[in-house]
Amino acid sequence: MTFASVYPMYVEKVEKKGRTKEELHQVIQWLTGFNNKDLQDLIKEKVTFETFFQRASINANTHLITGVICGYRVEEIEDPLTQQVRYLDKLVDELAKGRKMEKILRGS
């Protein structure tokens, strides 16, 4: 699965709930280190989630992301790639649910 195929769904989800694409990018940048240009390049390149996360500089505070996504506790997922994808899903869900940005970004 490519990041480019899922990205529009992330944008739609947060915008439908009154949040912005810029806020989404802020959340993605916190998790991965990718700025707007990096994101656009990755989308244009149609990278898989595996490549997306291989190129990412994962935030050291990801261990603070906890809770359930798709029926699984994110902190208990053993496969690193699956856990990283679910971290992103969890952050996007929190954004869409109206959680305050400083809480989403775990106080950073």
N, C-alpha and C. Protein backbone atom coordinates (compact mmCIF):
# COMPACT_ATOMS: atom_id res chain seq x y z
N MET A 1 0.85 -1.17 0.00
CA MET A 1 0.00 0.00 0.00
C MET A 1 0.90 1.24 0.00
N THR A 2 0.54 2.21 -0.80
CA THR A 2 1.34 3.43 -0.88
C THR A 2 0.81 4.50 0.07
N PHE A 3 1.73 5.34 0.53
CA PHE A 3 1.33 6.47 1.36
C PHE A 3 0.42 7.39 0.55
N ALA A 4 0.74 7.58 -0.74
CA ALA A 4 -0.05 8.47 -1.61
C ALA A 4 -1.51 8.03 -1.70
N SER A 5 -1.78 6.73 -1.60
CA SER A 5 -3.16 6.26 -1.71
C SER A 5 -3.96 6.53 -0.44
N VAL A 6 -3.29 6.64 0.70
CA VAL A 6 -3.97 6.85 1.97
C VAL A 6 -4.01 8.33 2.37
N TYR A 7 -3.00 9.07 1.97
CA TYR A 7 -2.89 10.48 2.35
C TYR A 7 -4.18 11.28 2.09
N PRO A 8 -4.81 11.17 0.89
CA PRO A 8 -6.05 11.93 0.68
C PRO A 8 -7.15 11.59 1.69
N MET A 9 -7.16 10.35 2.16
CA MET A 9 -8.15 9.95 3.16
C MET A 9 -7.86 10.61 4.51
N TYR A 10 -6.59 10.75 4.85
CA TYR A 10 -6.21 11.47 6.07
C TYR A 10 -6.69 12.92 5.98
N VAL A 11 -6.41 13.56 4.83
CA VAL A 11 -6.81 14.95 4.64
C VAL A 11 -8.32 15.09 4.76
N GLU A 12 -9.05 14.23 4.07
CA GLU A 12 -10.51 14.27 4.10
C GLU A 12 -11.03 14.08 5.52
N LYS A 13 -10.46 13.12 6.24
CA LYS A 13 -10.92 12.83 7.60
C LYS A 13 -10.76 14.04 8.52
N VAL A 14 -9.59 14.68 8.49
CA VAL A 14 -9.38 15.80 9.40
C VAL A 14 -10.16 17.04 8.97
N GLU A 15 -10.24 17.29 7.66
CA GLU A 15 -10.98 18.47 7.18
C GLU A 15 -12.47 18.34 7.44
N LYS A 16 -12.99 17.12 7.34
CA LYS A 16 -14.41 16.89 7.60
C LYS A 16 -14.75 17.23 9.05
N LYS A 17 -13.75 17.11 9.93
CA LYS A 17 -13.96 17.40 11.36
C LYS A 17 -13.50 18.80 11.74
N GLY A 18 -13.23 19.66 10.73
CA GLY A 18 -12.90 21.05 11.02
C GLY A 18 -11.43 21.33 11.29
N ARG A 19 -10.57 20.36 11.05
CA ARG A 19 -9.14 20.58 11.21
C ARG A 19 -8.54 20.87 9.83
N THR A 20 -7.27 21.27 9.78
CA THR A 20 -6.69 21.70 8.51
C THR A 20 -5.60 20.73 8.03
N LYS A 21 -5.32 20.85 6.75
CA LYS A 21 -4.23 20.08 6.15
C LYS A 21 -2.90 20.47 6.80
N GLU A 22 -2.76 21.74 7.14
CA GLU A 22 -1.54 22.22 7.80
C GLU A 22 -1.35 21.53 9.16
N GLU A 23 -2.45 21.36 9.90
CA GLU A 23 -2.37 20.66 11.18
C GLU A 23 -1.99 19.20 10.96
N LEU A 24 -2.54 18.59 9.93
CA LEU A 24 -2.19 17.21 9.58
C LEU A 24 -0.70 17.12 9.29
N HIS A 25 -0.18 18.06 8.51
CA HIS A 25 1.24 18.07 8.16
C HIS A 25 2.10 18.24 9.42
N GLN A 26 1.62 19.05 10.35
CA GLN A 26 2.35 19.26 11.60
C GLN A 26 2.45 17.94 12.38
N VAL A 27 1.36 17.20 12.41
CA VAL A 27 1.33 15.91 13.10
C VAL A 27 2.26 14.91 12.40
N ILE A 28 2.20 14.85 11.08
CA ILE A 28 3.06 13.94 10.32
C ILE A 28 4.53 14.32 10.52
N GLN A 29 4.81 15.62 10.52
CA GLN A 29 6.19 16.06 10.71
C GLN A 29 6.69 15.70 12.10
N TRP A 30 5.85 15.84 13.11
CA TRP A 30 6.25 15.47 14.47
C TRP A 30 6.64 13.99 14.52
N LEU A 31 5.83 13.13 13.89
CA LEU A 31 6.08 11.70 13.94
C LEU A 31 7.27 11.28 13.08
N THR A 32 7.40 11.87 11.88
CA THR A 32 8.35 11.35 10.89
C THR A 32 9.54 12.25 10.59
N GLY A 33 9.41 13.54 10.89
CA GLY A 33 10.45 14.49 10.53
C GLY A 33 10.29 15.05 9.12
N PHE A 34 9.31 14.58 8.36
CA PHE A 34 9.10 15.04 6.98
C PHE A 34 8.43 16.41 6.96
N ASN A 35 9.03 17.37 6.22
CA ASN A 35 8.39 18.67 6.03
C ASN A 35 7.43 18.58 4.83
N ASN A 36 6.79 19.70 4.50
CA ASN A 36 5.80 19.70 3.41
C ASN A 36 6.40 19.25 2.08
N LYS A 37 7.61 19.74 1.77
CA LYS A 37 8.25 19.36 0.51
C LYS A 37 8.55 17.86 0.49
N ASP A 38 9.07 17.35 1.60
CA ASP A 38 9.35 15.91 1.71
C ASP A 38 8.08 15.10 1.44
N LEU A 39 6.97 15.53 2.07
CA LEU A 39 5.70 14.82 1.89
C LEU A 39 5.27 14.81 0.43
N GLN A 40 5.34 15.97 -0.21
CA GLN A 40 4.94 16.06 -1.61
C GLN A 40 5.82 15.17 -2.49
N ASP A 41 7.12 15.14 -2.21
CA ASP A 41 8.03 14.27 -2.97
C ASP A 41 7.69 12.80 -2.77
N LEU A 42 7.39 12.41 -1.53
CA LEU A 42 7.05 11.02 -1.24
C LEU A 42 5.73 10.62 -1.90
N ILE A 43 4.78 11.55 -1.93
CA ILE A 43 3.50 11.28 -2.58
C ILE A 43 3.71 11.14 -4.09
N LYS A 44 4.48 12.05 -4.66
CA LYS A 44 4.75 12.00 -6.10
C LYS A 44 5.48 10.71 -6.47
N GLU A 45 6.37 10.28 -5.61
CA GLU A 45 7.16 9.06 -5.84
C GLU A 45 6.34 7.78 -5.61
N LYS A 46 5.18 7.94 -4.96
CA LYS A 46 4.29 6.82 -4.65
C LYS A 46 4.99 5.73 -3.84
N VAL A 47 5.66 6.17 -2.77
CA VAL A 47 6.38 5.22 -1.92
C VAL A 47 5.40 4.37 -1.11
N THR A 48 5.82 3.16 -0.80
CA THR A 48 5.04 2.30 0.08
C THR A 48 5.18 2.81 1.51
N PHE A 49 4.32 2.32 2.39
CA PHE A 49 4.45 2.70 3.80
C PHE A 49 5.79 2.20 4.35
N GLU A 50 6.25 1.07 3.87
CA GLU A 50 7.54 0.55 4.32
C GLU A 50 8.66 1.54 4.00
N THR A 51 8.71 2.02 2.75
CA THR A 51 9.72 3.00 2.35
C THR A 51 9.52 4.31 3.09
N PHE A 52 8.27 4.72 3.22
CA PHE A 52 7.93 5.96 3.94
C PHE A 52 8.56 5.95 5.33
N PHE A 53 8.35 4.87 6.07
CA PHE A 53 8.86 4.82 7.43
C PHE A 53 10.36 4.50 7.49
N GLN A 54 10.90 3.82 6.49
CA GLN A 54 12.35 3.61 6.43
C GLN A 54 13.08 4.94 6.30
N ARG A 55 12.50 5.87 5.54
CA ARG A 55 13.12 7.18 5.32
C ARG A 55 12.85 8.17 6.44
N ALA A 56 11.89 7.86 7.29
CA ALA A 56 11.49 8.77 8.37
C ALA A 56 12.50 8.79 9.50
N SER A 57 12.52 9.90 10.20
CA SER A 57 13.25 10.03 11.47
C SER A 57 12.19 10.01 12.56
N ILE A 58 11.87 8.83 13.05
CA ILE A 58 10.76 8.66 13.98
C ILE A 58 11.06 9.40 15.29
N ASN A 59 10.07 10.15 15.74
CA ASN A 59 10.19 10.95 16.97
C ASN A 59 10.49 10.03 18.16
N ALA A 60 11.39 10.47 18.99
CA ALA A 60 11.79 9.69 20.17
C ALA A 60 10.66 9.53 21.18
N ASN A 61 9.63 10.37 21.09
CA ASN A 61 8.52 10.30 22.04
C ASN A 61 7.34 9.46 21.56
N THR A 62 7.55 8.64 20.53
CA THR A 62 6.44 7.81 20.06
C THR A 62 5.95 6.84 21.13
N HIS A 63 6.83 6.49 22.07
CA HIS A 63 6.42 5.58 23.15
C HIS A 63 5.30 6.19 24.00
N LEU A 64 5.09 7.50 23.86
CA LEU A 64 4.01 8.16 24.60
C LEU A 64 2.66 8.02 23.91
N ILE A 65 2.66 7.51 22.67
CA ILE A 65 1.40 7.28 21.95
C ILE A 65 0.83 5.96 22.45
N THR A 66 -0.33 6.04 23.06
CA THR A 66 -0.98 4.84 23.59
C THR A 66 -2.45 4.86 23.22
N GLY A 67 -3.08 3.72 23.36
CA GLY A 67 -4.50 3.64 23.09
C GLY A 67 -4.81 2.60 22.03
N VAL A 68 -6.09 2.54 21.68
CA VAL A 68 -6.57 1.52 20.76
C VAL A 68 -6.85 2.12 19.39
N ILE A 69 -6.38 1.43 18.36
CA ILE A 69 -6.69 1.80 16.98
C ILE A 69 -6.97 0.50 16.23
N CYS A 70 -8.08 0.44 15.55
CA CYS A 70 -8.48 -0.76 14.80
C CYS A 70 -8.50 -2.00 15.70
N GLY A 71 -8.87 -1.80 16.96
CA GLY A 71 -9.00 -2.92 17.89
C GLY A 71 -7.70 -3.40 18.53
N TYR A 72 -6.61 -2.73 18.26
CA TYR A 72 -5.31 -3.12 18.82
C TYR A 72 -4.73 -1.98 19.65
N ARG A 73 -4.11 -2.31 20.76
CA ARG A 73 -3.39 -1.31 21.56
C ARG A 73 -2.09 -1.02 20.82
N VAL A 74 -1.87 0.23 20.43
CA VAL A 74 -0.70 0.58 19.61
C VAL A 74 0.60 0.27 20.34
N GLU A 75 0.62 0.41 21.64
CA GLU A 75 1.86 0.17 22.38
C GLU A 75 2.21 -1.32 22.47
N GLU A 76 1.28 -2.20 22.11
CA GLU A 76 1.52 -3.64 22.20
C GLU A 76 1.79 -4.29 20.84
N ILE A 77 1.72 -3.54 19.76
CA ILE A 77 1.95 -4.09 18.43
C ILE A 77 3.44 -4.43 18.31
N GLU A 78 3.72 -5.67 17.93
CA GLU A 78 5.11 -6.14 17.90
C GLU A 78 5.84 -5.82 16.60
N ASP A 79 5.16 -5.86 15.47
CA ASP A 79 5.82 -5.57 14.19
C ASP A 79 6.09 -4.07 14.10
N PRO A 80 7.35 -3.66 13.96
CA PRO A 80 7.69 -2.22 13.96
C PRO A 80 6.97 -1.41 12.88
N LEU A 81 6.89 -1.94 11.66
CA LEU A 81 6.22 -1.20 10.58
C LEU A 81 4.74 -1.03 10.89
N THR A 82 4.08 -2.10 11.29
CA THR A 82 2.66 -2.02 11.62
C THR A 82 2.44 -1.04 12.75
N GLN A 83 3.32 -1.06 13.74
CA GLN A 83 3.18 -0.14 14.87
C GLN A 83 3.34 1.31 14.41
N GLN A 84 4.29 1.59 13.53
CA GLN A 84 4.48 2.95 13.04
C GLN A 84 3.27 3.44 12.24
N VAL A 85 2.72 2.56 11.40
CA VAL A 85 1.52 2.92 10.64
C VAL A 85 0.38 3.22 11.60
N ARG A 86 0.22 2.40 12.62
CA ARG A 86 -0.85 2.61 13.60
C ARG A 86 -0.62 3.85 14.45
N TYR A 87 0.65 4.19 14.73
CA TYR A 87 0.94 5.46 15.41
C TYR A 87 0.40 6.61 14.57
N LEU A 88 0.67 6.58 13.28
CA LEU A 88 0.18 7.64 12.39
C LEU A 88 -1.34 7.67 12.39
N ASP A 89 -1.97 6.51 12.27
CA ASP A 89 -3.43 6.43 12.30
C ASP A 89 -3.98 7.02 13.60
N LYS A 90 -3.35 6.68 14.70
CA LYS A 90 -3.80 7.16 16.02
C LYS A 90 -3.71 8.68 16.11
N LEU A 91 -2.59 9.24 15.63
CA LEU A 91 -2.43 10.69 15.67
C LEU A 91 -3.46 11.39 14.78
N VAL A 92 -3.72 10.83 13.60
CA VAL A 92 -4.73 11.40 12.70
C VAL A 92 -6.11 11.33 13.35
N ASP A 93 -6.41 10.21 14.01
CA ASP A 93 -7.69 10.09 14.72
C ASP A 93 -7.81 11.14 15.82
N GLU A 94 -6.76 11.33 16.58
CA GLU A 94 -6.79 12.32 17.66
C GLU A 94 -7.01 13.72 17.10
N LEU A 95 -6.36 14.02 15.99
CA LEU A 95 -6.55 15.32 15.34
C LEU A 95 -8.00 15.48 14.91
N ALA A 96 -8.54 14.46 14.26
CA ALA A 96 -9.92 14.52 13.77
C ALA A 96 -10.93 14.62 14.91
N LYS A 97 -10.59 14.06 16.05
CA LYS A 97 -11.51 14.09 17.19
C LYS A 97 -11.43 15.40 17.97
N GLY A 98 -10.57 16.33 17.52
CA GLY A 98 -10.52 17.64 18.14
C GLY A 98 -9.58 17.76 19.33
N ARG A 99 -8.74 16.78 19.51
CA ARG A 99 -7.78 16.86 20.62
C ARG A 99 -6.84 18.04 20.41
N LYS A 100 -6.44 18.66 21.49
CA LYS A 100 -5.54 19.82 21.40
C LYS A 100 -4.19 19.39 20.85
N MET A 101 -3.61 20.27 20.01
CA MET A 101 -2.37 19.95 19.32
C MET A 101 -1.24 19.61 20.30
N GLU A 102 -1.13 20.34 21.41
CA GLU A 102 -0.02 20.04 22.33
C GLU A 102 -0.14 18.65 22.94
N LYS A 103 -1.38 18.15 23.07
CA LYS A 103 -1.57 16.78 23.57
C LYS A 103 -1.24 15.76 22.48
N ILE A 104 -1.65 16.04 21.24
CA ILE A 104 -1.34 15.15 20.12
C ILE A 104 0.17 15.01 19.96
N LEU A 105 0.86 16.13 20.08
CA LEU A 105 2.32 16.15 19.89
C LEU A 105 3.06 15.80 21.19
N ARG A 106 2.33 15.26 22.14
CA ARG A 106 2.88 14.77 23.39
C ARG A 106 3.75 15.80 24.08
N GLY A 107 3.23 17.05 24.13
CA GLY A 107 3.86 18.10 24.89
C GLY A 107 5.10 18.72 24.26
N SER A 108 5.40 18.36 22.99
CA SER A 108 6.62 18.94 22.38
C SER A 108 6.32 20.26 21.74
